[in-house]
Amino acid sequence: MPVLLQIPENPNCEPVDGQVFACRTPSQVVTHVRRRREEGDAWCSVIGVNPDGELCPAMACIVEDSGDGTCYLVVGGAWGLRFKDSSVPWDLRDREQWGEPFLLLGGDGHDLRFDG
């Protein structure tokens, strides 16, 4: 099933105009991703963000990637994904949290934690 990513300008992340991916598996809810940080690898909570800061689950499916074979595409809401590595509440104004439009992670799933 094709996924068209279009992220408008918003306070969470950079916009994306028309990236298309073909999901090879059903989407699953993702709760954490391993990210490369200045301090080293860290497991970060991830959530999707919709307009007006409304939160929604982050979702991942396997897609084909011309350079790496298969990988996981992680997407959020209309305003992309939001990450944190603390237990504080989600907040678009918190400078310790950050947003990205989407992620492509290795197809082995070692950098993802799924819900359930």
C-alpha atoms as a PDB file:
ATOM      1  CA  MET A   1       0.000   0.000   0.000  1.00  0.00           C
ATOM      2  CA  PRO A   2       1.565   3.355  -0.991  1.00  0.00           C
ATOM      3  CA  VAL A   3       2.145   5.988   1.689  1.00  0.00           C
ATOM      4  CA  LEU A   4       2.369   9.621   0.563  1.00  0.00           C
ATOM      5  CA  LEU A   5       4.142  11.805   3.105  1.00  0.00           C
ATOM      6  CA  GLN A   6       3.294  15.488   3.011  1.00  0.00           C
ATOM      7  CA  ILE A   7       4.148  17.422   6.146  1.00  0.00           C
ATOM      8  CA  PRO A   8       3.179  21.119   6.034  1.00  0.00           C
ATOM      9  CA  GLU A   9       5.114  23.849   7.826  1.00  0.00           C
ATOM     10  CA  ASN A  10       4.443  23.398  11.523  1.00  0.00           C
ATOM     11  CA  PRO A  11       6.018  24.026  14.964  1.00  0.00           C
ATOM     12  CA  ASN A  12       7.171  20.394  15.383  1.00  0.00           C
ATOM     13  CA  CYS A  13       9.433  19.593  12.390  1.00  0.00           C
ATOM     14  CA  GLU A  14      10.630  20.517   8.929  1.00  0.00           C
ATOM     15  CA  PRO A  15       8.081  20.197   6.098  1.00  0.00           C
ATOM     16  CA  VAL A  16       8.175  17.342   3.555  1.00  0.00           C
ATOM     17  CA  ASP A  17       6.635  17.649   0.123  1.00  0.00           C
ATOM     18  CA  GLY A  18       5.454  14.439  -1.496  1.00  0.00           C
ATOM     19  CA  GLN A  19       7.700  11.522  -0.472  1.00  0.00           C
ATOM     20  CA  VAL A  20       6.126   8.216  -1.571  1.00  0.00           C
ATOM     21  CA  PHE A  21       6.826   4.826   0.014  1.00  0.00           C
ATOM     22  CA  ALA A  22       5.251   1.415  -0.628  1.00  0.00           C
ATOM     23  CA  CYS A  23       4.491  -0.462   2.612  1.00  0.00           C
ATOM     24  CA  ARG A  24       5.192  -4.213   2.356  1.00  0.00           C
ATOM     25  CA  THR A  25       3.666  -5.060   5.760  1.00  0.00           C
ATOM     26  CA  PRO A  26       0.755  -3.791   7.845  1.00  0.00           C
ATOM     27  CA  SER A  27       1.618  -0.818  10.072  1.00  0.00           C
ATOM     28  CA  GLN A  28       2.285  -1.408  13.759  1.00  0.00           C
ATOM     29  CA  VAL A  29       2.290   1.020  16.703  1.00  0.00           C
ATOM     30  CA  VAL A  30       5.823   2.010  17.780  1.00  0.00           C
ATOM     31  CA  THR A  31       6.523   3.287  21.307  1.00  0.00           C
ATOM     32  CA  HIS A  32      10.329   3.754  21.269  1.00  0.00           C
ATOM     33  CA  VAL A  33      13.158   4.049  18.752  1.00  0.00           C
ATOM     34  CA  ARG A  34      16.909   3.873  19.259  1.00  0.00           C
ATOM     35  CA  ARG A  35      18.494   7.139  18.153  1.00  0.00           C
ATOM     36  CA  ARG A  36      22.086   8.206  17.770  1.00  0.00           C
ATOM     37  CA  ARG A  37      22.654  11.089  20.189  1.00  0.00           C
ATOM     38  CA  GLU A  38      25.717  13.115  21.144  1.00  0.00           C
ATOM     39  CA  GLU A  39      25.956  11.051  24.340  1.00  0.00           C
ATOM     40  CA  GLY A  40      25.680   7.767  22.390  1.00  0.00           C
ATOM     41  CA  ASP A  41      22.759   5.542  21.414  1.00  0.00           C
ATOM     42  CA  ALA A  42      19.582   6.129  23.429  1.00  0.00           C
ATOM     43  CA  TRP A  43      16.086   4.659  23.448  1.00  0.00           C
ATOM     44  CA  CYS A  44      13.635   7.519  22.946  1.00  0.00           C
ATOM     45  CA  SER A  45       9.873   7.633  23.308  1.00  0.00           C
ATOM     46  CA  VAL A  46       8.141   8.480  20.043  1.00  0.00           C
ATOM     47  CA  ILE A  47       4.651   9.786  19.281  1.00  0.00           C
ATOM     48  CA  GLY A  48       2.887  11.335  16.305  1.00  0.00           C
ATOM     49  CA  VAL A  49       1.760  14.959  16.297  1.00  0.00           C
ATOM     50  CA  ASN A  50      -1.338  16.278  14.555  1.00  0.00           C
ATOM     51  CA  PRO A  51      -2.407  19.901  14.035  1.00  0.00           C
ATOM     52  CA  ASP A  52      -2.729  21.993  17.198  1.00  0.00           C
ATOM     53  CA  GLY A  53      -0.367  19.583  18.995  1.00  0.00           C
ATOM     54  CA  GLU A  54      -2.865  16.720  19.285  1.00  0.00           C
ATOM     55  CA  LEU A  55      -0.944  13.467  19.860  1.00  0.00           C
ATOM     56  CA  CYS A  56      -1.426  10.162  18.020  1.00  0.00           C
ATOM     57  CA  PRO A  57       0.488   6.865  17.850  1.00  0.00           C
ATOM     58  CA  ALA A  58       3.658   6.567  15.791  1.00  0.00           C
ATOM     59  CA  MET A  59       3.351   3.764  13.220  1.00  0.00           C
ATOM     60  CA  ALA A  60       5.931   1.664  11.349  1.00  0.00           C
ATOM     61  CA  CYS A  61       5.832  -0.641   8.335  1.00  0.00           C
ATOM     62  CA  ILE A  62       8.488  -2.303   6.188  1.00  0.00           C
ATOM     63  CA  VAL A  63       9.265  -0.522   2.917  1.00  0.00           C
ATOM     64  CA  GLU A  64      11.706  -1.117   0.078  1.00  0.00           C
ATOM     65  CA  ASP A  65      14.743   1.177   0.072  1.00  0.00           C
ATOM     66  CA  SER A  66      16.908   1.317  -3.032  1.00  0.00           C
ATOM     67  CA  GLY A  67      20.120   1.581  -1.019  1.00  0.00           C
ATOM     68  CA  ASP A  68      19.481  -0.728   1.939  1.00  0.00           C
ATOM     69  CA  GLY A  69      16.962  -3.316   0.690  1.00  0.00           C
ATOM     70  CA  THR A  70      14.141  -3.256   3.226  1.00  0.00           C
ATOM     71  CA  CYS A  71      13.807  -0.881   6.140  1.00  0.00           C
ATOM     72  CA  TYR A  72      11.183   0.363   8.560  1.00  0.00           C
ATOM     73  CA  LEU A  73       9.370   3.586   7.768  1.00  0.00           C
ATOM     74  CA  VAL A  74       8.207   5.286  10.981  1.00  0.00           C
ATOM     75  CA  VAL A  75       5.553   7.974  10.564  1.00  0.00           C
ATOM     76  CA  GLY A  76       3.433  10.057  12.898  1.00  0.00           C
ATOM     77  CA  GLY A  77       0.627  12.529  12.435  1.00  0.00           C
ATOM     78  CA  ALA A  78       0.160  15.432  10.025  1.00  0.00           C
ATOM     79  CA  TRP A  79       2.926  17.304  11.912  1.00  0.00           C
ATOM     80  CA  GLY A  80       5.345  14.345  11.936  1.00  0.00           C
ATOM     81  CA  LEU A  81       7.018  12.539  14.827  1.00  0.00           C
ATOM     82  CA  ARG A  82       8.094  13.829  18.251  1.00  0.00           C
ATOM     83  CA  PHE A  83      10.837  12.320  20.437  1.00  0.00           C
ATOM     84  CA  LYS A  84      11.964  12.554  24.059  1.00  0.00           C
ATOM     85  CA  ASP A  85      14.375  10.652  26.278  1.00  0.00           C
ATOM     86  CA  SER A  86      12.777  11.565  29.608  1.00  0.00           C
ATOM     87  CA  SER A  87       9.529  10.956  31.447  1.00  0.00           C
ATOM     88  CA  VAL A  88       8.288  14.566  31.298  1.00  0.00           C
ATOM     89  CA  PRO A  89       4.943  15.155  29.532  1.00  0.00           C
ATOM     90  CA  TRP A  90       4.904  15.776  25.772  1.00  0.00           C
ATOM     91  CA  ASP A  91       5.220  19.492  24.992  1.00  0.00           C
ATOM     92  CA  LEU A  92       6.004  21.216  21.671  1.00  0.00           C
ATOM     93  CA  ARG A  93       7.739  24.024  23.619  1.00  0.00           C
ATOM     94  CA  ASP A  94      10.107  21.684  25.510  1.00  0.00           C
ATOM     95  CA  ARG A  95      13.609  22.147  24.077  1.00  0.00           C
ATOM     96  CA  GLU A  96      14.647  18.702  25.374  1.00  0.00           C
ATOM     97  CA  GLN A  97      12.131  17.150  22.940  1.00  0.00           C
ATOM     98  CA  TRP A  98      12.447  17.303  19.166  1.00  0.00           C
ATOM     99  CA  GLY A  99      10.485  16.580  16.019  1.00  0.00           C
ATOM    100  CA  GLU A 100      11.255  14.953  12.677  1.00  0.00           C
ATOM    101  CA  PRO A 101       8.987  14.385   9.677  1.00  0.00           C
ATOM    102  CA  PHE A 102       9.638  10.601   9.486  1.00  0.00           C
ATOM    103  CA  LEU A 103      12.351   7.991  10.059  1.00  0.00           C
ATOM    104  CA  LEU A 104      13.865   5.164   8.035  1.00  0.00           C
ATOM    105  CA  LEU A 105      15.422   2.501  10.285  1.00  0.00           C
ATOM    106  CA  GLY A 106      17.028  -0.879   9.629  1.00  0.00           C
ATOM    107  CA  GLY A 107      14.774  -3.681   8.428  1.00  0.00           C
ATOM    108  CA  ASP A 108      15.897  -6.012  11.238  1.00  0.00           C
ATOM    109  CA  GLY A 109      13.738  -4.050  13.708  1.00  0.00           C
ATOM    110  CA  HIS A 110      16.522  -3.808  16.326  1.00  0.00           C
ATOM    111  CA  ASP A 111      16.029  -0.025  16.601  1.00  0.00           C
ATOM    112  CA  LEU A 112      12.271  -0.227  17.290  1.00  0.00           C
ATOM    113  CA  ARG A 113      10.045  -1.212  20.192  1.00  0.00           C
ATOM    114  CA  PHE A 114       6.514  -2.073  19.209  1.00  0.00           C
ATOM    115  CA  ASP A 115       3.409  -1.699  21.372  1.00  0.00           C
ATOM    116  CA  GLY A 116       2.340  -5.058  22.757  1.00  0.00           C
END
